[in-house]
Protein backbone atom coordinates (compact mmCIF):
# COMPACT_ATOMS: atom_id res chain seq x y z
CA UNK A 1 -20.37 22.95 -14.09
CA UNK A 2 -17.14 24.92 -13.89
CA UNK A 3 -15.43 25.11 -17.26
CA UNK A 4 -11.87 25.24 -15.90
CA UNK A 5 -10.13 22.99 -16.31
CA UNK A 6 -11.95 21.45 -19.26
CA UNK A 7 -9.60 18.42 -19.33
CA UNK A 8 -8.21 16.41 -16.45
CA UNK A 9 -6.43 13.08 -16.07
CA UNK A 10 -8.44 10.70 -13.93
CA UNK A 11 -5.47 9.44 -11.87
CA UNK A 12 -5.35 12.92 -10.35
CA UNK A 13 -8.92 12.57 -9.12
CA UNK A 14 -8.49 9.28 -7.29
CA UNK A 15 -8.82 9.70 -3.54
CA UNK A 16 -10.12 13.27 -3.75
CA UNK A 17 -12.83 14.31 -1.31
CA UNK A 18 -16.29 14.98 -2.72
CA UNK A 19 -18.23 17.78 -1.01
CA UNK A 20 -21.81 18.97 -1.04
CA UNK A 21 -22.62 22.69 -1.64
CA UNK A 22 -22.48 23.37 2.13
CA UNK A 23 -18.91 22.11 2.31
CA UNK A 24 -19.72 18.85 4.07
CA UNK A 25 -17.67 15.89 2.95
CA UNK A 26 -19.68 13.15 1.22
CA UNK A 27 -16.89 10.67 0.56
CA UNK A 28 -13.83 9.97 -1.55
CA UNK A 29 -13.70 9.50 -5.33
CA UNK A 30 -12.75 5.94 -6.32
CA UNK A 31 -13.70 5.56 -10.01
CA UNK A 32 -15.30 7.19 -13.04
CA UNK A 33 -18.22 5.63 -14.92
CA UNK A 34 -18.52 5.88 -18.71
CA UNK A 35 -21.36 4.87 -20.99
CA UNK A 36 -20.57 2.41 -23.75
CA UNK A 37 -21.65 3.59 -27.16
CA UNK A 38 -21.87 2.28 -30.71
CA UNK A 39 -18.22 1.76 -31.54
CA UNK A 40 -18.74 1.14 -35.23
CA UNK A 41 -16.35 -1.22 -37.02
CA UNK A 42 -14.22 -1.63 -33.92
CA UNK A 43 -17.01 -3.28 -31.98
CA UNK A 44 -15.82 -6.64 -33.20
CA UNK A 45 -12.41 -6.01 -31.63
CA UNK A 46 -13.80 -5.66 -28.13
CA UNK A 47 -17.49 -6.20 -27.62
CA UNK A 48 -17.38 -5.69 -23.85
CA UNK A 49 -15.39 -2.47 -23.46
CA UNK A 50 -14.92 0.88 -25.21
CA UNK A 51 -12.60 0.87 -28.21
CA UNK A 52 -11.96 2.93 -31.30
CA UNK A 53 -14.92 4.98 -32.44
CA UNK A 54 -16.95 7.63 -30.67
CA UNK A 55 -15.44 8.70 -27.40
CA UNK A 56 -17.18 7.23 -24.33
CA UNK A 57 -19.37 9.67 -22.43
CA UNK A 58 -18.66 10.11 -18.72
CA UNK A 59 -21.95 9.62 -16.87
CA UNK A 60 -20.85 9.83 -13.26
CA UNK A 61 -18.38 9.05 -10.51
CA UNK A 62 -18.18 6.38 -7.82
CA UNK A 63 -17.42 7.66 -4.34
CA UNK A 64 -16.68 5.74 -1.16
CA UNK A 65 -18.69 6.83 1.88
CA UNK A 66 -18.55 5.69 5.49
CA UNK A 67 -18.40 1.93 5.91
CA UNK A 68 -16.49 1.59 2.63
CA UNK A 69 -19.82 1.60 0.77
CA UNK A 70 -19.55 2.87 -2.80
CA UNK A 71 -22.30 5.00 -4.29
CA UNK A 72 -22.93 6.61 -7.67
CA UNK A 73 -23.12 10.37 -8.26
CA UNK A 74 -24.22 11.39 -11.80
CA UNK A 75 -22.23 14.06 -13.63
CA UNK A 76 -25.38 16.18 -13.77
CA UNK A 77 -24.98 16.63 -10.00
CA UNK A 78 -21.33 17.70 -10.24
CA UNK A 79 -20.90 21.49 -10.17
CA UNK A 80 -17.11 21.68 -9.95
CA UNK A 81 -14.32 19.22 -10.60
CA UNK A 82 -10.57 19.78 -10.65
CA UNK A 83 -7.37 18.20 -9.33
CA UNK A 84 -8.03 19.31 -5.73
CA UNK A 85 -11.69 18.60 -5.02
CA UNK A 86 -15.09 17.65 -6.40
CA UNK A 87 -18.28 19.51 -5.48
CA UNK A 88 -21.77 18.15 -6.05
CA UNK A 89 -25.20 19.64 -5.71
CA UNK A 90 -28.63 18.36 -4.74
CA UNK A 91 -29.51 15.16 -2.92
CA UNK A 92 -27.26 12.13 -3.30
CA UNK A 93 -28.69 8.62 -3.52
CA UNK A 94 -26.90 6.54 -0.87
CA UNK A 95 -27.90 3.22 -2.44
CA UNK A 96 -24.91 0.98 -3.10
CA UNK A 97 -23.54 1.40 -6.64
CA UNK A 98 -24.32 -1.46 -9.02
CA UNK A 99 -22.71 -1.36 -12.44
CA UNK A 100 -25.08 -1.73 -15.39
CA UNK A 101 -24.32 -3.64 -18.53
CA UNK A 102 -24.05 -0.45 -20.56
CA UNK A 103 -21.44 1.02 -18.21
CA UNK A 104 -17.67 0.64 -17.81
CA UNK A 105 -15.42 1.67 -14.91
CA UNK A 106 -12.36 3.60 -16.07
CA UNK A 107 -9.98 2.73 -13.23
CA UNK A 108 -11.08 -0.86 -12.77
CA UNK A 109 -11.40 -1.74 -16.46
CA UNK A 110 -9.18 0.57 -18.49
CA UNK A 111 -6.15 1.36 -16.34
CA UNK A 112 -3.23 -1.01 -17.13
CA UNK A 113 -5.06 -2.54 -20.06
CA UNK A 114 -3.06 -3.46 -23.16
CA UNK A 115 -4.01 -1.60 -26.35
CA UNK A 116 -3.11 -1.90 -30.02
CA UNK A 117 -2.13 1.22 -31.92
CA UNK A 118 -4.17 2.04 -35.03
CA UNK A 119 -0.98 2.89 -36.94
CA UNK A 120 0.24 -0.69 -36.51
CA UNK A 121 3.10 0.20 -34.16
CA UNK A 122 3.98 -1.62 -30.95
CA UNK A 123 1.28 -2.37 -28.36
CA UNK A 124 1.09 -0.12 -25.28
CA UNK A 125 -0.31 -0.16 -21.74
CA UNK A 126 -2.87 2.40 -20.55
CA UNK A 127 -1.52 4.16 -17.45
CA UNK A 128 -3.98 7.03 -17.26
CA UNK A 129 -7.08 8.36 -19.01
CA UNK A 130 -8.09 11.97 -19.67
CA UNK A 131 -11.65 13.19 -19.64
CA UNK A 132 -12.61 16.44 -21.35
CA UNK A 133 -15.63 18.69 -21.11
CA UNK A 134 -17.36 19.71 -24.33
CA UNK A 135 -19.03 23.04 -24.93
CA UNK A 136 -22.45 21.50 -24.23
CA UNK A 137 -21.25 20.52 -20.73
CA UNK A 138 -20.87 16.78 -21.39
CA UNK A 139 -17.67 15.03 -20.34
CA UNK A 140 -16.05 12.48 -22.65
CA UNK A 141 -12.94 10.28 -22.59
CA UNK A 142 -10.62 12.06 -25.01
CA UNK A 143 -7.02 10.91 -24.47
CA UNK A 144 -4.97 8.03 -23.12
CA UNK A 145 -1.61 8.22 -21.39
CA UNK A 146 0.19 5.03 -22.44
CA UNK A 147 3.62 3.46 -22.12
CA UNK A 148 5.48 0.88 -24.13
CA UNK A 149 8.90 -0.69 -24.20
CA UNK A 150 10.69 -1.45 -20.91
CA UNK A 151 11.45 -4.91 -22.23
CA UNK A 152 14.27 -6.69 -24.04
CA UNK A 153 15.18 -6.92 -27.70
CA UNK A 154 17.89 -9.55 -28.04
CA UNK A 155 20.49 -8.67 -25.41
CA UNK A 156 19.46 -5.02 -25.17
CA UNK A 157 16.98 -3.68 -22.63
CA UNK A 158 14.60 -1.20 -24.23
CA UNK A 159 13.78 2.02 -22.44
CA UNK A 160 10.20 2.68 -21.40
CA UNK A 161 8.48 5.22 -23.65
CA UNK A 162 5.45 7.18 -22.45
CA UNK A 163 3.12 9.29 -24.55
CA UNK A 164 -0.32 10.86 -24.75
CA UNK A 165 -2.49 9.65 -27.60
CA UNK A 166 -5.95 10.49 -28.82
CA UNK A 167 -8.72 8.00 -27.99
CA UNK A 168 -9.05 7.20 -31.70
CA UNK A 169 -5.41 6.12 -31.95
CA UNK A 170 -5.84 2.96 -29.85
CA UNK A 171 -7.78 -0.29 -29.98
CA UNK A 172 -8.44 -2.00 -26.67
CA UNK A 173 -7.67 -5.72 -26.69
CA UNK A 174 -9.79 -8.32 -24.88
CA UNK A 175 -7.03 -10.05 -22.86
CA UNK A 176 -7.47 -7.82 -19.82
CA UNK A 177 -8.01 -10.07 -16.84
CA UNK A 178 -4.66 -11.86 -16.56
CA UNK A 179 -2.60 -9.41 -18.58
CA UNK A 180 -3.52 -6.20 -16.75
CA UNK A 181 -2.45 -7.42 -13.31
CA UNK A 182 0.76 -8.90 -14.73
CA UNK A 183 1.56 -5.68 -16.58
CA UNK A 184 0.82 -3.53 -13.55
CA UNK A 185 3.16 -5.59 -11.35
CA UNK A 186 5.90 -5.54 -13.99
CA UNK A 187 5.60 -1.78 -14.49
CA UNK A 188 5.81 -1.16 -10.72
CA UNK A 189 8.52 -3.65 -9.79
CA UNK A 190 10.82 -0.80 -8.67
CA UNK A 191 8.10 1.14 -6.84
CA UNK A 192 8.51 1.52 -3.09
CA UNK A 193 6.17 -0.75 -1.12
CA UNK A 194 4.56 2.26 0.57
CA UNK A 195 3.81 3.92 -2.77
CA UNK A 196 2.47 0.70 -4.27
CA UNK A 197 0.24 0.32 -1.22
CA UNK A 198 -1.21 3.78 -1.88
CA UNK A 199 -1.93 2.79 -5.47
CA UNK A 200 -3.74 -0.37 -4.34
CA UNK A 201 -5.71 1.51 -1.71
CA UNK A 202 -7.15 3.81 -4.38
CA UNK A 203 -8.44 0.85 -6.42
CA UNK A 204 -11.78 -0.85 -5.95
CA UNK A 205 -11.67 -4.15 -4.05
CA UNK A 206 -11.81 -6.33 -7.15
CA UNK A 207 -8.89 -4.55 -8.80
CA UNK A 208 -6.87 -4.46 -5.56
CA UNK A 209 -7.25 -8.22 -5.10
CA UNK A 210 -6.24 -8.90 -8.72
CA UNK A 211 -2.98 -7.03 -8.23
CA UNK A 212 -2.33 -8.53 -4.79
CA UNK A 213 -2.72 -12.06 -6.09
CA UNK A 214 -0.14 -11.37 -8.79
CA UNK A 215 2.56 -10.18 -6.34
CA UNK A 216 5.20 -12.53 -4.94
CA UNK A 217 4.69 -13.46 -1.27
CA UNK A 218 7.52 -11.30 0.08
CA UNK A 219 6.51 -8.31 -2.03
CA UNK A 220 2.86 -8.70 -1.05
CA UNK A 221 3.83 -8.87 2.64
CA UNK A 222 5.81 -5.62 2.34
CA UNK A 223 2.89 -3.89 0.62
CA UNK A 224 0.26 -5.18 3.03
CA UNK A 225 2.21 -3.80 5.97
CA UNK A 226 1.67 -0.33 4.47
CA UNK A 227 -2.09 -0.75 3.88
CA UNK A 228 -4.95 0.13 6.23
CA UNK A 229 -6.28 -2.82 8.21
CA UNK A 230 -9.52 -3.02 6.19
CA UNK A 231 -7.55 -3.49 2.98
CA UNK A 232 -5.25 -6.04 4.63
CA UNK A 233 -8.21 -8.12 5.76
CA UNK A 234 -9.86 -7.87 2.33
CA UNK A 235 -6.73 -9.13 0.58
CA UNK A 236 -5.96 -11.88 3.08
CA UNK A 237 -9.55 -13.15 2.97
CA UNK A 238 -9.36 -13.54 -0.80
CA UNK A 239 -6.11 -15.52 -0.82
CA UNK A 240 -5.93 -19.28 -0.70
CA UNK A 241 -5.57 -20.11 3.01
CA UNK A 242 -2.17 -21.76 2.54
CA UNK A 243 -0.85 -18.76 0.63
CA UNK A 244 -2.33 -16.43 3.24
CA UNK A 245 -0.28 -18.24 5.88
CA UNK A 246 2.86 -17.91 3.75
CA UNK A 247 2.31 -14.16 3.35
CA UNK A 248 1.86 -13.80 7.11
CA UNK A 249 5.20 -15.57 7.60
CA UNK A 250 6.87 -12.93 5.40
CA UNK A 251 5.38 -10.05 7.41
CA UNK A 252 7.00 -8.58 10.49
CA UNK A 253 5.62 -10.52 13.49
CA UNK A 254 4.03 -7.43 15.05
CA UNK A 255 2.29 -6.53 11.77
CA UNK A 256 1.13 -10.12 11.33
CA UNK A 257 -0.25 -10.13 14.88
CA UNK A 258 -2.14 -6.87 14.27
CA UNK A 259 -3.69 -8.33 11.13
CA UNK A 260 -4.65 -11.61 12.79
CA UNK A 261 -6.34 -9.65 15.57
CA UNK A 262 -8.81 -8.38 12.96
CA UNK A 263 -9.94 -11.93 12.10
CA UNK A 264 -12.26 -14.32 13.91
CA UNK A 265 -10.80 -16.76 16.44
CA UNK A 266 -11.30 -19.69 14.05
CA UNK A 267 -9.68 -17.89 11.11
CA UNK A 268 -6.76 -16.80 13.26
CA UNK A 269 -6.10 -20.28 14.63
CA UNK A 270 -6.36 -21.92 11.20
CA UNK A 271 -3.73 -19.58 9.77
CA UNK A 272 -1.40 -19.96 12.75
CA UNK A 273 -1.49 -23.73 12.39
CA UNK A 274 -0.47 -23.45 8.73
CA UNK A 275 2.46 -21.12 9.47
CA UNK A 276 5.94 -22.43 10.22
CA UNK A 277 6.02 -23.23 13.97
CA UNK A 278 8.86 -20.80 14.72
CA UNK A 279 7.11 -17.91 12.93
CA UNK A 280 3.77 -18.79 14.50
CA UNK A 281 5.27 -18.88 18.01
CA UNK A 282 6.58 -15.31 17.64
CA UNK A 283 3.14 -14.12 16.57
CA UNK A 284 1.31 -16.06 19.30
CA UNK A 285 3.43 -14.37 21.98
CA UNK A 286 2.49 -10.96 20.65
CA UNK A 287 -1.19 -11.87 20.56
CA UNK A 288 -1.09 -12.54 24.30
CA UNK A 289 -0.42 -8.88 25.13
CA UNK A 290 -3.09 -6.28 25.70
CA UNK A 291 -3.48 -3.83 22.82
CA UNK A 292 -1.51 -0.61 23.27
CA UNK A 293 1.25 -2.10 25.40
CA UNK A 294 4.89 -2.35 24.38
CA UNK A 295 4.50 -6.12 24.11
CA UNK A 296 1.73 -5.80 21.54
CA UNK A 297 3.73 -3.37 19.39
CA UNK A 298 7.26 -4.75 19.61
CA UNK A 299 9.17 -6.85 17.10
CA UNK A 300 10.19 -10.08 18.89
CA UNK A 301 13.19 -10.68 16.61
CA UNK A 302 15.57 -7.68 16.86
CA UNK A 303 19.34 -8.03 16.39
CA UNK A 304 20.56 -9.84 19.52
CA UNK A 305 24.20 -10.73 20.17
CA UNK A 306 26.20 -12.15 23.10
CA UNK A 307 28.70 -9.80 24.80
CA UNK A 308 31.70 -11.58 23.26
CA UNK A 309 30.52 -10.95 19.68
CA UNK A 310 32.73 -8.57 17.70
CA UNK A 311 31.92 -5.29 16.04
CA UNK A 312 32.48 -6.98 12.68
CA UNK A 313 29.77 -9.54 13.50
CA UNK A 314 27.40 -6.82 14.63
CA UNK A 315 27.83 -4.84 11.41
CA UNK A 316 27.29 -7.99 9.38
CA UNK A 317 23.90 -8.45 11.06
CA UNK A 318 22.96 -4.80 10.48
CA UNK A 319 23.78 -5.11 6.77
CA UNK A 320 21.22 -7.88 6.24
CA UNK A 321 18.68 -6.78 3.66
CA UNK A 322 15.64 -7.83 5.69
CA UNK A 323 16.62 -5.61 8.64
CA UNK A 324 14.64 -2.35 8.59
CA UNK A 325 16.53 0.96 9.01
CA UNK A 326 14.88 1.59 12.38
CA UNK A 327 15.81 -1.87 13.68
CA UNK A 328 19.36 -1.48 12.36
CA UNK A 329 19.92 1.57 14.58
CA UNK A 330 21.34 -0.62 17.37
CA UNK A 331 22.21 -4.15 18.40
CA UNK A 332 20.96 -5.55 21.70
CA UNK A 333 23.26 -7.57 23.92
CA UNK A 334 22.11 -10.38 26.21
CA UNK A 335 23.27 -13.60 27.83
CA UNK A 336 22.32 -16.84 26.02
CA UNK A 337 19.88 -18.07 24.95
CA UNK A 338 19.72 -15.39 22.29
CA UNK A 339 16.19 -16.25 21.08
CA UNK A 340 13.52 -14.20 22.85
CA UNK A 341 12.93 -14.40 25.72
CA UNK A 342 16.70 -14.31 26.11
CA UNK A 343 18.97 -14.68 29.09
CA UNK A 344 19.70 -11.57 31.17
CA UNK A 345 19.57 -8.35 29.14
CA UNK A 346 22.88 -6.44 29.33
CA UNK A 347 22.46 -3.32 27.18
CA UNK A 348 22.46 -1.86 23.68
CA UNK A 349 25.14 -0.65 21.27
CA UNK A 350 24.28 2.09 18.79
CA UNK A 351 25.29 1.68 15.17
CA UNK A 352 27.27 4.93 15.24
CA UNK A 353 29.38 3.54 18.07
CA UNK A 354 30.06 0.39 16.03
CA UNK A 355 31.39 2.53 13.20
CA UNK A 356 33.89 4.33 15.45
CA UNK A 357 35.86 1.36 16.78
CA UNK A 358 38.01 -1.43 15.30
CA UNK A 359 36.16 -4.52 13.95
CA UNK A 360 37.78 -6.82 16.54
CA UNK A 361 36.35 -5.01 19.58
CA UNK A 362 33.75 -6.99 21.55
CA UNK A 363 30.30 -5.42 21.74
CA UNK A 364 30.11 -6.18 25.46
CA UNK A 365 32.65 -3.42 26.06
CA UNK A 366 30.56 -0.80 24.20
CA UNK A 367 27.25 -1.01 26.05
CA UNK A 368 25.20 2.15 26.51
CA UNK A 369 23.98 1.61 30.05
CA UNK A 370 22.24 5.02 30.19
CA UNK A 371 19.25 3.75 28.18
CA UNK A 372 16.96 1.66 30.35
CA UNK A 373 14.77 -0.96 28.65
CA UNK A 374 11.00 -0.63 28.90
CA UNK A 375 8.69 -3.22 30.35
CA UNK A 376 6.59 -5.28 27.97
CA UNK A 377 3.56 -3.88 29.83
CA UNK A 378 4.58 -0.20 29.34
CA UNK A 379 1.96 2.14 27.92
CA UNK A 380 2.14 4.00 24.63
CA UNK A 381 2.47 7.30 26.50
CA UNK A 382 5.52 6.09 28.42
CA UNK A 383 7.19 4.66 25.32
CA UNK A 384 6.61 7.84 23.32
CA UNK A 385 8.04 10.00 26.10
CA UNK A 386 11.25 7.96 26.34
CA UNK A 387 11.81 7.90 22.57
CA UNK A 388 11.33 11.66 22.37
CA UNK A 389 13.42 12.48 25.46
CA UNK A 390 16.49 10.55 24.33
CA UNK A 391 16.07 10.99 20.53
CA UNK A 392 15.90 7.24 20.00
CA UNK A 393 14.58 5.19 17.11
CA UNK A 394 14.62 1.88 19.00
CA UNK A 395 13.91 0.74 22.55
CA UNK A 396 14.63 -2.71 24.05
CA UNK A 397 11.66 -4.43 25.70
CA UNK A 398 12.09 -6.78 28.68
CA UNK A 399 9.76 -8.90 30.81
CA UNK A 400 9.56 -8.83 34.61
CA UNK A 401 12.56 -11.21 34.81
CA UNK A 402 14.75 -8.71 32.85
CA UNK A 403 14.86 -11.05 29.86
CA UNK A 404 14.80 -9.40 26.45
CA UNK A 405 11.53 -10.14 24.65
CA UNK A 406 11.79 -7.74 21.71
CA UNK A 407 12.32 -4.15 20.59
CA UNK A 408 9.95 -1.36 19.71
CA UNK A 409 10.84 1.16 16.97
CA UNK A 410 9.73 4.71 16.30
CA UNK A 411 7.70 3.62 13.25
CA UNK A 412 5.76 1.14 15.42
CA UNK A 413 4.81 3.99 17.74
CA UNK A 414 3.90 6.40 14.94
CA UNK A 415 1.63 3.82 13.30
CA UNK A 416 -0.15 3.40 16.63
CA UNK A 417 -0.61 7.05 17.59
CA UNK A 418 -1.32 8.69 14.23
CA UNK A 419 -4.97 8.97 13.14
CA UNK A 420 -6.33 6.41 10.68
CA UNK A 421 -6.32 8.92 7.81
CA UNK A 422 -2.69 9.97 8.33
CA UNK A 423 -1.84 8.80 4.81
CA UNK A 424 -3.75 11.71 3.26
CA UNK A 425 -3.52 15.48 3.40
CA UNK A 426 -6.43 17.55 4.69
CA UNK A 427 -7.74 17.90 1.14
CA UNK A 428 -7.90 14.09 0.78
CA UNK A 429 -4.97 13.66 -1.63
CA UNK A 430 -2.50 10.89 -0.74
CA UNK A 431 0.74 11.96 0.96
CA UNK A 432 2.56 9.35 -1.08
CA UNK A 433 1.41 8.72 -4.61
CA UNK A 434 2.73 6.75 -7.56
CA UNK A 435 3.71 9.41 -10.09
CA UNK A 436 2.41 9.37 -13.64
CA UNK A 437 4.76 11.15 -16.03
CA UNK A 438 2.43 12.89 -18.48
CA UNK A 439 3.27 16.56 -17.95
């Protein structure tokens, strides 16, 4: 195996492509397997996982192949490993990976675990783990990247402290199951939903579900909207059915409809019945459209105002926290009723125009009549062409009676036309990634 680098942090390996000697891609790295050893006097501290004592030996990696199946590749088959790719040699056994009692998974079982320091100082949380290659070619777990603090002492909030420690300087506690998920959520409370989604996607299913179940409904909805459909279905299927319905209510209607389309008819109907009627009705209308049409992609609840509403009212709606930046690019004006499908659609007013005129001006006098709405049956090609031609981020969608039924945004279109693996670079590394400050 290549001797450079001889130490690497495992978080950097997650999601990397694994290649055979001919350059063909085998799959994507999802975890690292270590062999439990005789941990001496510390065995009584944690009988089920590695702790103080001899460093655990890395025996192989878990990679995800087509069909989301995870297989095991022993380290003896790895010829090169660094922060950009992993190369293996020889035949690979495609049998599904089954963890043995003598093995531990680093990402699933060590990341975000609470540890005690051997010097008696404050407990810390494992955020990353380093593996190092010895002269004889074996790889061992040598260091831990941990954090502590980020809490309160009296009235003072303590700053988070991160550090790299030797494996021998920590003792792993046994209270992993509830504590790890809670700690992970607390440590990532300020992380963007898209970045947190990337972190969850790199976890195995068990770990991903643990974290998802710990998130608040609104936060979980935001994160799920950034996940691939397979992960969304996996999480939703492992939630209590009533909570699953509540999470769907918190999602954007078009995202909820896309997710429900991945379920069976019985599952879909059960969840819709548990949702609030108003939220369920919005989703049901989207489910009626053929996939790939404007109606299937639109958000049925854009900002809609009557023509006599003032600029001040329009800006107040735009400032609402739940309104996405793309949807806040314009307000749509229609005759009552203002719930979709509305009365006659009149036009749109761009946010920039709202900022240029006095607050008392009525939005009906500011309509941009040059932008025609698209039909709810319009194709993706037509929608993309209009957005690109007029440099728009939002398009109103009407039915055949010229009643406003929703709006489609540029991010809706991009999600639909980009390839499924758009979240990763060509080398397999995530475009967005939760940073780990250990450099």
